[in-house]
Amino acid sequence: MRIDEILEHRRPCFSFEFFPPKDEAGMERLGRALEELKQDDPGFVSVTYGAGGSTRERTIGITKKVKQELGVEAMAHLSCVGTTVEQLREIVDEVAAAGIENVLALRGDPPQGETEWKPTPGGLKYSTELAALLSEHYDFAIGAACFPEVHPEAPDMAHDLRFLKDKVAAGASFLITQLFFDNQLYYDFVEEARGAGIDVPIVPGIMPVTNFGQIKRFTDMCGASIPEPFERELAARADDPEAVTELGVAYAALQCSDLLANGAPGIHFYTLNKSPATRAILAAVRAARPWDRALPAA
């Protein structure tokens, strides 16, 4: 089923994101996490695509497994990095042949060891071009990324929103945000996006904090911020992994409840291929049912 249709009919929609592991042990751990999280009846699962297409085969393989073996709707990430248009068409043909109906169209990050993004000769330069290629030649539901704190390479929010509007015009029918920890950033972003004429669902992306050093690296890399009080409490527990996880789960559960009470269409969990934290948050949110008192949808 197409994710744009799922988001229309299933409120709230909970979804999970995974990345392809590098080795067999990681694949086994991922398999266990998928089986456990399947019990939580996600609306869909997405599978990331490594820099430079480095996980292409595993991305497609895991997406197929989710769709065909687990019976859960799946979305494959696809990026422009390191791939010509002809190669992209081959990849997309393989995705379509597997019965997958959903693709997240991304520009992608530079390959490991490189700091500057450069288009591949014969390839695409922007995610808007990838969305256009997909919408013109295939029958996918196309998702795109958005940035409540502005894309790191955009000069300002107005420029970022113009580019985002172009993505929607090119075929993106839903958006998933980068991780954030201050809900007001999401609310302000949605308001500005609506004011710019962007009317597709905007799903908040939430990452449960289970490791302080790891989340610092992630946020430094992508330009996301951690509110000072939350960061202070995490830092005070940095040497106690269990305490960090307990705080991270509690904070994310409060964050998700507030988002859903204020009209967010669902939550997209960045799971880091782990199930316990995500399952605990989802159980708490489902028990509280904040959407029963929700404001108009975002």
C-alpha atoms as a PDB file:
ATOM      1  CA  MET A   1       0.000   0.000   0.000  1.00  0.00           C
ATOM      2  CA  ARG A   2       1.193   3.513  -0.735  1.00  0.00           C
ATOM      3  CA  ILE A   3       2.372   5.496   2.282  1.00  0.00           C
ATOM      4  CA  ASP A   4       0.468   8.611   1.230  1.00  0.00           C
ATOM      5  CA  GLU A   5      -2.692   6.488   1.441  1.00  0.00           C
ATOM      6  CA  ILE A   6      -1.635   4.994   4.780  1.00  0.00           C
ATOM      7  CA  LEU A   7      -1.138   8.489   6.211  1.00  0.00           C
ATOM      8  CA  GLU A   8      -4.548   9.516   4.948  1.00  0.00           C
ATOM      9  CA  HIS A   9      -6.419   6.613   6.532  1.00  0.00           C
ATOM     10  CA  ARG A  10      -4.309   5.658   9.546  1.00  0.00           C
ATOM     11  CA  ARG A  11      -3.993   8.292  12.238  1.00  0.00           C
ATOM     12  CA  PRO A  12      -1.730   8.250  14.061  1.00  0.00           C
ATOM     13  CA  CYS A  13       0.720   6.363  11.859  1.00  0.00           C
ATOM     14  CA  PHE A  14       3.767   4.917  13.615  1.00  0.00           C
ATOM     15  CA  SER A  15       6.717   3.902  11.474  1.00  0.00           C
ATOM     16  CA  PHE A  16      10.261   2.659  11.986  1.00  0.00           C
ATOM     17  CA  GLU A  17      13.545   3.308  10.207  1.00  0.00           C
ATOM     18  CA  PHE A  18      16.428   0.829   9.969  1.00  0.00           C
ATOM     19  CA  PHE A  19      19.837   0.818   8.323  1.00  0.00           C
ATOM     20  CA  PRO A  20      21.552  -2.131   6.578  1.00  0.00           C
ATOM     21  CA  PRO A  21      24.190  -3.646   8.914  1.00  0.00           C
ATOM     22  CA  LYS A  22      27.756  -4.200   7.762  1.00  0.00           C
ATOM     23  CA  ASP A  23      28.113  -7.846   8.794  1.00  0.00           C
ATOM     24  CA  GLU A  24      26.173 -11.050   9.468  1.00  0.00           C
ATOM     25  CA  ALA A  25      26.036 -10.474  13.228  1.00  0.00           C
ATOM     26  CA  GLY A  26      24.429  -7.123  12.572  1.00  0.00           C
ATOM     27  CA  MET A  27      21.981  -8.694  10.169  1.00  0.00           C
ATOM     28  CA  GLU A  28      20.960 -11.194  12.842  1.00  0.00           C
ATOM     29  CA  ARG A  29      20.390  -8.395  15.356  1.00  0.00           C
ATOM     30  CA  LEU A  30      18.382  -6.482  12.791  1.00  0.00           C
ATOM     31  CA  GLY A  31      16.279  -9.554  12.069  1.00  0.00           C
ATOM     32  CA  ARG A  32      15.408  -9.875  15.756  1.00  0.00           C
ATOM     33  CA  ALA A  33      14.561  -6.175  16.016  1.00  0.00           C
ATOM     34  CA  LEU A  34      12.317  -6.379  12.957  1.00  0.00           C
ATOM     35  CA  GLU A  35      10.466  -9.384  14.331  1.00  0.00           C
ATOM     36  CA  GLU A  36       9.955  -7.644  17.683  1.00  0.00           C
ATOM     37  CA  LEU A  37       8.839  -4.341  16.209  1.00  0.00           C
ATOM     38  CA  LYS A  38       6.462  -6.093  13.822  1.00  0.00           C
ATOM     39  CA  GLN A  39       4.399  -6.913  16.919  1.00  0.00           C
ATOM     40  CA  ASP A  40       3.758  -3.179  17.294  1.00  0.00           C
ATOM     41  CA  ASP A  41       1.901  -3.063  13.965  1.00  0.00           C
ATOM     42  CA  PRO A  42       3.813  -0.249  12.247  1.00  0.00           C
ATOM     43  CA  GLY A  43       2.216   1.630   9.380  1.00  0.00           C
ATOM     44  CA  PHE A  44       5.432   1.144   7.433  1.00  0.00           C
ATOM     45  CA  VAL A  45       9.157   0.500   7.770  1.00  0.00           C
ATOM     46  CA  SER A  46      11.882   2.357   5.900  1.00  0.00           C
ATOM     47  CA  VAL A  47      15.402   1.176   5.080  1.00  0.00           C
ATOM     48  CA  THR A  48      18.259   3.632   4.579  1.00  0.00           C
ATOM     49  CA  TYR A  49      20.723   3.790   1.700  1.00  0.00           C
ATOM     50  CA  GLY A  50      24.430   4.165   2.461  1.00  0.00           C
ATOM     51  CA  ALA A  51      26.574   7.023   1.197  1.00  0.00           C
ATOM     52  CA  GLY A  52      27.553   6.471  -2.402  1.00  0.00           C
ATOM     53  CA  GLY A  53      25.033   3.654  -2.694  1.00  0.00           C
ATOM     54  CA  SER A  54      27.326   1.541  -0.513  1.00  0.00           C
ATOM     55  CA  THR A  55      24.445  -0.545   0.873  1.00  0.00           C
ATOM     56  CA  ARG A  56      22.378  -0.810  -2.302  1.00  0.00           C
ATOM     57  CA  GLU A  57      21.983  -4.599  -2.324  1.00  0.00           C
ATOM     58  CA  ARG A  58      21.312  -4.836   1.400  1.00  0.00           C
ATOM     59  CA  THR A  59      18.861  -1.938   1.293  1.00  0.00           C
ATOM     60  CA  ILE A  60      16.811  -3.636  -1.413  1.00  0.00           C
ATOM     61  CA  GLY A  61      17.160  -7.054   0.237  1.00  0.00           C
ATOM     62  CA  ILE A  62      15.957  -5.842   3.637  1.00  0.00           C
ATOM     63  CA  THR A  63      13.129  -3.845   2.079  1.00  0.00           C
ATOM     64  CA  LYS A  64      12.013  -6.979   0.224  1.00  0.00           C
ATOM     65  CA  LYS A  65      12.150  -9.006   3.453  1.00  0.00           C
ATOM     66  CA  VAL A  66      10.022  -6.471   5.316  1.00  0.00           C
ATOM     67  CA  LYS A  67       7.449  -6.371   2.524  1.00  0.00           C
ATOM     68  CA  GLN A  68       7.368 -10.003   1.414  1.00  0.00           C
ATOM     69  CA  GLU A  69       8.272 -12.029   4.514  1.00  0.00           C
ATOM     70  CA  LEU A  70       7.110  -9.865   7.411  1.00  0.00           C
ATOM     71  CA  GLY A  71       4.045  -8.536   5.589  1.00  0.00           C
ATOM     72  CA  VAL A  72       4.739  -4.941   6.645  1.00  0.00           C
ATOM     73  CA  GLU A  73       4.601  -2.043   4.193  1.00  0.00           C
ATOM     74  CA  ALA A  74       8.124  -0.973   3.265  1.00  0.00           C
ATOM     75  CA  MET A  75       9.903   2.060   1.845  1.00  0.00           C
ATOM     76  CA  ALA A  76      13.345   2.014   0.251  1.00  0.00           C
ATOM     77  CA  HIS A  77      15.581   5.048   0.528  1.00  0.00           C
ATOM     78  CA  LEU A  78      17.253   6.115  -2.691  1.00  0.00           C
ATOM     79  CA  SER A  79      19.912   8.789  -3.203  1.00  0.00           C
ATOM     80  CA  CYS A  80      21.674  10.507  -6.095  1.00  0.00           C
ATOM     81  CA  VAL A  81      25.197   9.873  -4.808  1.00  0.00           C
ATOM     82  CA  GLY A  82      27.629   7.831  -6.876  1.00  0.00           C
ATOM     83  CA  THR A  83      25.047   6.746  -9.435  1.00  0.00           C
ATOM     84  CA  THR A  84      24.261   7.694 -13.024  1.00  0.00           C
ATOM     85  CA  VAL A  85      20.695   8.128 -14.199  1.00  0.00           C
ATOM     86  CA  GLU A  86      20.928   4.825 -16.052  1.00  0.00           C
ATOM     87  CA  GLN A  87      22.063   3.058 -12.888  1.00  0.00           C
ATOM     88  CA  LEU A  88      19.322   4.743 -10.900  1.00  0.00           C
ATOM     89  CA  ARG A  89      16.744   3.446 -13.352  1.00  0.00           C
ATOM     90  CA  GLU A  90      18.125  -0.081 -12.930  1.00  0.00           C
ATOM     91  CA  ILE A  91      17.881   0.191  -9.139  1.00  0.00           C
ATOM     92  CA  VAL A  92      14.354   1.582  -9.277  1.00  0.00           C
ATOM     93  CA  ASP A  93      13.290  -1.144 -11.712  1.00  0.00           C
ATOM     94  CA  GLU A  94      14.522  -3.726  -9.192  1.00  0.00           C
ATOM     95  CA  VAL A  95      12.621  -2.017  -6.363  1.00  0.00           C
ATOM     96  CA  ALA A  96       9.432  -1.886  -8.421  1.00  0.00           C
ATOM     97  CA  ALA A  97       9.792  -5.528  -9.492  1.00  0.00           C
ATOM     98  CA  ALA A  98       9.886  -6.517  -5.802  1.00  0.00           C
ATOM     99  CA  GLY A  99       6.403  -5.041  -5.337  1.00  0.00           C
ATOM    100  CA  ILE A 100       7.641  -2.104  -3.279  1.00  0.00           C
ATOM    101  CA  GLU A 101       5.415   0.932  -3.754  1.00  0.00           C
ATOM    102  CA  ASN A 102       7.252   3.551  -1.706  1.00  0.00           C
ATOM    103  CA  VAL A 103      10.570   5.380  -2.139  1.00  0.00           C
ATOM    104  CA  LEU A 104      12.203   8.143  -0.104  1.00  0.00           C
ATOM    105  CA  ALA A 105      13.977  10.413  -2.598  1.00  0.00           C
ATOM    106  CA  LEU A 106      17.174  11.919  -1.176  1.00  0.00           C
ATOM    107  CA  ARG A 107      20.149  13.782  -2.530  1.00  0.00           C
ATOM    108  CA  GLY A 108      22.357  11.809  -0.143  1.00  0.00           C
ATOM    109  CA  ASP A 109      25.507  12.534   1.835  1.00  0.00           C
ATOM    110  CA  PRO A 110      29.062  12.535   0.452  1.00  0.00           C
ATOM    111  CA  PRO A 111      30.853   9.166   0.449  1.00  0.00           C
ATOM    112  CA  GLN A 112      32.843   8.371   3.580  1.00  0.00           C
ATOM    113  CA  GLY A 113      36.016  10.455   3.785  1.00  0.00           C
ATOM    114  CA  GLU A 114      34.630  13.299   1.683  1.00  0.00           C
ATOM    115  CA  THR A 115      33.198  16.509   3.090  1.00  0.00           C
ATOM    116  CA  GLU A 116      31.833  18.143  -0.069  1.00  0.00           C
ATOM    117  CA  TRP A 117      28.913  16.729  -2.016  1.00  0.00           C
ATOM    118  CA  LYS A 118      29.576  16.455  -5.738  1.00  0.00           C
ATOM    119  CA  PRO A 119      27.148  15.146  -8.378  1.00  0.00           C
ATOM    120  CA  THR A 120      28.195  12.023 -10.234  1.00  0.00           C
ATOM    121  CA  PRO A 121      28.908  12.563 -13.952  1.00  0.00           C
ATOM    122  CA  GLY A 122      25.779  11.422 -15.768  1.00  0.00           C
ATOM    123  CA  GLY A 123      23.846  11.486 -12.502  1.00  0.00           C
ATOM    124  CA  LEU A 124      21.455  13.829 -10.713  1.00  0.00           C
ATOM    125  CA  LYS A 125      22.325  16.858  -8.623  1.00  0.00           C
ATOM    126  CA  TYR A 126      19.255  17.374  -6.457  1.00  0.00           C
ATOM    127  CA  SER A 127      16.590  15.330  -4.687  1.00  0.00           C
ATOM    128  CA  THR A 128      14.018  17.305  -6.686  1.00  0.00           C
ATOM    129  CA  GLU A 129      15.430  15.754  -9.864  1.00  0.00           C
ATOM    130  CA  LEU A 130      15.199  12.288  -8.337  1.00  0.00           C
ATOM    131  CA  ALA A 131      11.594  12.882  -7.257  1.00  0.00           C
ATOM    132  CA  ALA A 132      10.771  14.074 -10.780  1.00  0.00           C
ATOM    133  CA  LEU A 133      12.385  11.000 -12.350  1.00  0.00           C
ATOM    134  CA  LEU A 134      10.390   8.721 -10.046  1.00  0.00           C
ATOM    135  CA  SER A 135       7.074  10.494 -10.559  1.00  0.00           C
ATOM    136  CA  GLU A 136       7.433  10.710 -14.339  1.00  0.00           C
ATOM    137  CA  HIS A 137       8.395   7.097 -14.955  1.00  0.00           C
ATOM    138  CA  TYR A 138       7.050   5.043 -12.003  1.00  0.00           C
ATOM    139  CA  ASP A 139       3.956   4.678  -9.872  1.00  0.00           C
ATOM    140  CA  PHE A 140       5.513   5.137  -6.426  1.00  0.00           C
ATOM    141  CA  ALA A 141       4.426   7.061  -3.384  1.00  0.00           C
ATOM    142  CA  ILE A 142       7.404   9.393  -3.051  1.00  0.00           C
ATOM    143  CA  GLY A 143       8.599  10.735   0.264  1.00  0.00           C
ATOM    144  CA  ALA A 144      11.164  13.442   0.923  1.00  0.00           C
ATOM    145  CA  ALA A 145      13.174  14.757   3.845  1.00  0.00           C
ATOM    146  CA  CYS A 146      12.640  18.119   5.515  1.00  0.00           C
ATOM    147  CA  PHE A 147      14.542  20.055   8.153  1.00  0.00           C
ATOM    148  CA  PRO A 148      12.855  21.879  11.068  1.00  0.00           C
ATOM    149  CA  GLU A 149      16.214  23.553  11.851  1.00  0.00           C
ATOM    150  CA  VAL A 150      17.042  24.273   8.175  1.00  0.00           C
ATOM    151  CA  HIS A 151      19.193  22.095   5.927  1.00  0.00           C
ATOM    152  CA  PRO A 152      22.877  22.584   6.837  1.00  0.00           C
ATOM    153  CA  GLU A 153      23.640  23.865   3.333  1.00  0.00           C
ATOM    154  CA  ALA A 154      20.658  26.225   3.041  1.00  0.00           C
ATOM    155  CA  PRO A 155      21.275  29.921   3.773  1.00  0.00           C
ATOM    156  CA  ASP A 156      17.960  30.340   5.591  1.00  0.00           C
ATOM    157  CA  MET A 157      14.515  28.851   6.155  1.00  0.00           C
ATOM    158  CA  ALA A 158      12.891  30.769   3.288  1.00  0.00           C
ATOM    159  CA  HIS A 159      15.381  29.298   0.797  1.00  0.00           C
ATOM    160  CA  ASP A 160      14.937  25.824   2.308  1.00  0.00           C
ATOM    161  CA  LEU A 161      11.144  26.040   2.054  1.00  0.00           C
ATOM    162  CA  ARG A 162      11.289  27.112  -1.586  1.00  0.00           C
ATOM    163  CA  PHE A 163      13.390  24.058  -2.334  1.00  0.00           C
ATOM    164  CA  LEU A 164      11.014  21.873  -0.313  1.00  0.00           C
ATOM    165  CA  LYS A 165       8.055  23.204  -2.279  1.00  0.00           C
ATOM    166  CA  ASP A 166       9.905  22.208  -5.451  1.00  0.00           C
ATOM    167  CA  LYS A 167      10.253  18.658  -4.089  1.00  0.00           C
ATOM    168  CA  VAL A 168       6.508  18.463  -3.551  1.00  0.00           C
ATOM    169  CA  ALA A 169       5.843  19.877  -7.028  1.00  0.00           C
ATOM    170  CA  ALA A 170       8.206  17.222  -8.419  1.00  0.00           C
ATOM    171  CA  GLY A 171       6.134  14.432  -6.892  1.00  0.00           C
ATOM    172  CA  ALA A 172       6.769  14.092  -3.141  1.00  0.00           C
ATOM    173  CA  SER A 173       3.445  13.317  -1.460  1.00  0.00           C
ATOM    174  CA  PHE A 174       4.653  13.195   2.168  1.00  0.00           C
ATOM    175  CA  LEU A 175       7.584  14.505   4.181  1.00  0.00           C
ATOM    176  CA  ILE A 176       9.591  13.118   7.096  1.00  0.00           C
ATOM    177  CA  THR A 177      11.591  15.475   9.275  1.00  0.00           C
ATOM    178  CA  GLN A 178      15.137  15.169  10.419  1.00  0.00           C
ATOM    179  CA  LEU A 179      15.449  14.337  14.114  1.00  0.00           C
ATOM    180  CA  PHE A 180      14.753  17.157  16.581  1.00  0.00           C
ATOM    181  CA  PHE A 181      14.351  17.467  20.348  1.00  0.00           C
ATOM    182  CA  ASP A 182      12.392  20.708  20.711  1.00  0.00           C
ATOM    183  CA  ASN A 183       8.811  20.309  19.532  1.00  0.00           C
ATOM    184  CA  GLN A 184       8.393  24.037  19.016  1.00  0.00           C
ATOM    185  CA  LEU A 185      10.843  23.745  16.123  1.00  0.00           C
ATOM    186  CA  TYR A 186       8.446  21.293  14.466  1.00  0.00           C
ATOM    187  CA  TYR A 187       5.372  23.428  15.105  1.00  0.00           C
ATOM    188  CA  ASP A 188       7.045  26.557  13.745  1.00  0.00           C
ATOM    189  CA  PHE A 189       8.316  24.651  10.722  1.00  0.00           C
ATOM    190  CA  VAL A 190       4.885  23.201   9.895  1.00  0.00           C
ATOM    191  CA  GLU A 191       3.310  26.638  10.193  1.00  0.00           C
ATOM    192  CA  GLU A 192       5.892  28.154   7.849  1.00  0.00           C
ATOM    193  CA  ALA A 193       5.579  25.257   5.403  1.00  0.00           C
ATOM    194  CA  ARG A 194       1.812  25.643   5.263  1.00  0.00           C
ATOM    195  CA  GLY A 195       2.264  29.373   4.751  1.00  0.00           C
ATOM    196  CA  ALA A 196       4.557  28.574   1.818  1.00  0.00           C
ATOM    197  CA  GLY A 197       1.857  26.431   0.207  1.00  0.00           C
ATOM    198  CA  ILE A 198       3.245  23.014   1.199  1.00  0.00           C
ATOM    199  CA  ASP A 199       0.170  20.955   2.063  1.00  0.00           C
ATOM    200  CA  VAL A 200       1.375  17.328   2.229  1.00  0.00           C
ATOM    201  CA  PRO A 201       1.652  15.426   5.550  1.00  0.00           C
ATOM    202  CA  ILE A 202       4.758  16.317   7.581  1.00  0.00           C
ATOM    203  CA  VAL A 203       5.713  13.384   9.815  1.00  0.00           C
ATOM    204  CA  PRO A 204       8.019  14.176  12.752  1.00  0.00           C
ATOM    205  CA  GLY A 205      11.148  12.026  12.969  1.00  0.00           C
ATOM    206  CA  ILE A 206      12.099  11.085  16.538  1.00  0.00           C
ATOM    207  CA  MET A 207      15.313   9.418  17.705  1.00  0.00           C
ATOM    208  CA  PRO A 208      15.267   7.919  21.220  1.00  0.00           C
ATOM    209  CA  VAL A 209      18.528   8.799  22.996  1.00  0.00           C
ATOM    210  CA  THR A 210      20.292   5.692  24.281  1.00  0.00           C
ATOM    211  CA  ASN A 211      23.914   6.884  24.101  1.00  0.00           C
ATOM    212  CA  PHE A 212      25.030  10.421  24.919  1.00  0.00           C
ATOM    213  CA  GLY A 213      28.225  10.395  22.864  1.00  0.00           C
ATOM    214  CA  GLN A 214      26.400   8.954  19.880  1.00  0.00           C
ATOM    215  CA  ILE A 215      23.618  11.532  19.893  1.00  0.00           C
ATOM    216  CA  LYS A 216      26.177  14.343  20.185  1.00  0.00           C
ATOM    217  CA  ARG A 217      27.936  13.042  17.075  1.00  0.00           C
ATOM    218  CA  PHE A 218      24.641  12.748  15.186  1.00  0.00           C
ATOM    219  CA  THR A 219      23.460  16.241  16.052  1.00  0.00           C
ATOM    220  CA  ASP A 220      26.848  17.812  15.331  1.00  0.00           C
ATOM    221  CA  MET A 221      26.874  16.105  11.937  1.00  0.00           C
ATOM    222  CA  CYS A 222      23.371  17.060  10.844  1.00  0.00           C
ATOM    223  CA  GLY A 223      23.013  20.453  12.495  1.00  0.00           C
ATOM    224  CA  ALA A 224      20.247  19.483  14.923  1.00  0.00           C
ATOM    225  CA  SER A 225      20.227  20.953  18.432  1.00  0.00           C
ATOM    226  CA  ILE A 226      19.640  19.482  21.872  1.00  0.00           C
ATOM    227  CA  PRO A 227      17.818  21.750  24.349  1.00  0.00           C
ATOM    228  CA  GLU A 228      20.201  22.818  27.102  1.00  0.00           C
ATOM    229  CA  PRO A 229      18.236  21.300  30.030  1.00  0.00           C
ATOM    230  CA  PHE A 230      17.977  17.928  28.262  1.00  0.00           C
ATOM    231  CA  GLU A 231      21.636  17.953  27.282  1.00  0.00           C
ATOM    232  CA  ARG A 232      22.652  18.848  30.836  1.00  0.00           C
ATOM    233  CA  GLU A 233      20.695  15.907  32.262  1.00  0.00           C
ATOM    234  CA  LEU A 234      22.117  13.546  29.636  1.00  0.00           C
ATOM    235  CA  ALA A 235      25.667  14.711  30.346  1.00  0.00           C
ATOM    236  CA  ALA A 236      25.166  14.101  34.069  1.00  0.00           C
ATOM    237  CA  ARG A 237      24.342  10.463  33.253  1.00  0.00           C
ATOM    238  CA  ALA A 238      26.905   9.991  30.471  1.00  0.00           C
ATOM    239  CA  ASP A 239      28.827   7.325  32.429  1.00  0.00           C
ATOM    240  CA  ASP A 240      25.664   5.334  33.178  1.00  0.00           C
ATOM    241  CA  PRO A 241      24.275   3.907  29.904  1.00  0.00           C
ATOM    242  CA  GLU A 242      21.154   2.527  31.579  1.00  0.00           C
ATOM    243  CA  ALA A 243      20.330   5.920  33.104  1.00  0.00           C
ATOM    244  CA  VAL A 244      20.861   7.636  29.738  1.00  0.00           C
ATOM    245  CA  THR A 245      18.462   5.203  28.092  1.00  0.00           C
ATOM    246  CA  GLU A 246      15.844   5.651  30.820  1.00  0.00           C
ATOM    247  CA  LEU A 247      15.992   9.425  30.427  1.00  0.00           C
ATOM    248  CA  GLY A 248      16.014   9.180  26.628  1.00  0.00           C
ATOM    249  CA  VAL A 249      12.931   6.965  26.595  1.00  0.00           C
ATOM    250  CA  ALA A 250      11.056   9.188  29.056  1.00  0.00           C
ATOM    251  CA  TYR A 251      11.918  12.342  27.107  1.00  0.00           C
ATOM    252  CA  ALA A 252      10.920  10.834  23.756  1.00  0.00           C
ATOM    253  CA  ALA A 253       7.632   9.533  25.189  1.00  0.00           C
ATOM    254  CA  LEU A 254       6.761  13.041  26.397  1.00  0.00           C
ATOM    255  CA  GLN A 255       7.874  14.508  23.078  1.00  0.00           C
ATOM    256  CA  CYS A 256       5.741  12.074  21.057  1.00  0.00           C
ATOM    257  CA  SER A 257       2.688  12.580  23.278  1.00  0.00           C
ATOM    258  CA  ASP A 258       2.893  16.336  22.856  1.00  0.00           C
ATOM    259  CA  LEU A 259       3.327  16.061  19.087  1.00  0.00           C
ATOM    260  CA  LEU A 260       0.332  13.757  18.700  1.00  0.00           C
ATOM    261  CA  ALA A 261      -1.830  15.889  20.987  1.00  0.00           C
ATOM    262  CA  ASN A 262      -1.030  18.821  18.718  1.00  0.00           C
ATOM    263  CA  GLY A 263      -2.019  17.208  15.448  1.00  0.00           C
ATOM    264  CA  ALA A 264       1.098  15.439  14.153  1.00  0.00           C
ATOM    265  CA  PRO A 265       0.005  12.712  11.692  1.00  0.00           C
ATOM    266  CA  GLY A 266       2.213  10.097  13.358  1.00  0.00           C
ATOM    267  CA  ILE A 267       5.769   9.438  14.487  1.00  0.00           C
ATOM    268  CA  HIS A 268       8.671   8.093  12.437  1.00  0.00           C
ATOM    269  CA  PHE A 269      11.135   6.446  14.841  1.00  0.00           C
ATOM    270  CA  TYR A 270      14.827   6.401  14.012  1.00  0.00           C
ATOM    271  CA  THR A 271      15.433   3.062  15.739  1.00  0.00           C
ATOM    272  CA  LEU A 272      19.199   2.619  15.168  1.00  0.00           C
ATOM    273  CA  ASN A 273      18.267  -1.048  14.593  1.00  0.00           C
ATOM    274  CA  LYS A 274      17.242  -1.488  18.225  1.00  0.00           C
ATOM    275  CA  SER A 275      13.789  -2.341  19.462  1.00  0.00           C
ATOM    276  CA  PRO A 276      13.557  -1.958  23.288  1.00  0.00           C
ATOM    277  CA  ALA A 277      13.606   1.861  23.508  1.00  0.00           C
ATOM    278  CA  THR A 278      11.234   2.345  20.582  1.00  0.00           C
ATOM    279  CA  ARG A 279       8.837  -0.310  21.886  1.00  0.00           C
ATOM    280  CA  ALA A 280       8.788   1.254  25.368  1.00  0.00           C
ATOM    281  CA  ILE A 281       8.032   4.711  23.961  1.00  0.00           C
ATOM    282  CA  LEU A 282       5.334   3.392  21.667  1.00  0.00           C
ATOM    283  CA  ALA A 283       3.693   1.407  24.479  1.00  0.00           C
ATOM    284  CA  ALA A 284       3.570   4.490  26.690  1.00  0.00           C
ATOM    285  CA  VAL A 285       2.153   6.661  23.909  1.00  0.00           C
ATOM    286  CA  ARG A 286      -0.479   4.126  22.935  1.00  0.00           C
ATOM    287  CA  ALA A 287      -1.524   3.763  26.564  1.00  0.00           C
ATOM    288  CA  ALA A 288      -1.912   7.533  26.949  1.00  0.00           C
ATOM    289  CA  ARG A 289      -3.669   8.030  23.565  1.00  0.00           C
ATOM    290  CA  PRO A 290      -2.853  11.746  23.244  1.00  0.00           C
ATOM    291  CA  TRP A 291      -4.421  11.858  19.762  1.00  0.00           C
ATOM    292  CA  ASP A 292      -7.857  11.604  21.397  1.00  0.00           C
ATOM    293  CA  ARG A 293      -7.400  15.244  22.383  1.00  0.00           C
ATOM    294  CA  ALA A 294      -5.526  16.240  19.224  1.00  0.00           C
ATOM    295  CA  LEU A 295      -5.743  19.593  17.514  1.00  0.00           C
ATOM    296  CA  PRO A 296      -6.256  19.766  13.722  1.00  0.00           C
ATOM    297  CA  ALA A 297      -3.758  17.633  11.796  1.00  0.00           C
ATOM    298  CA  ALA A 298      -0.367  18.916  10.734  1.00  0.00           C
END
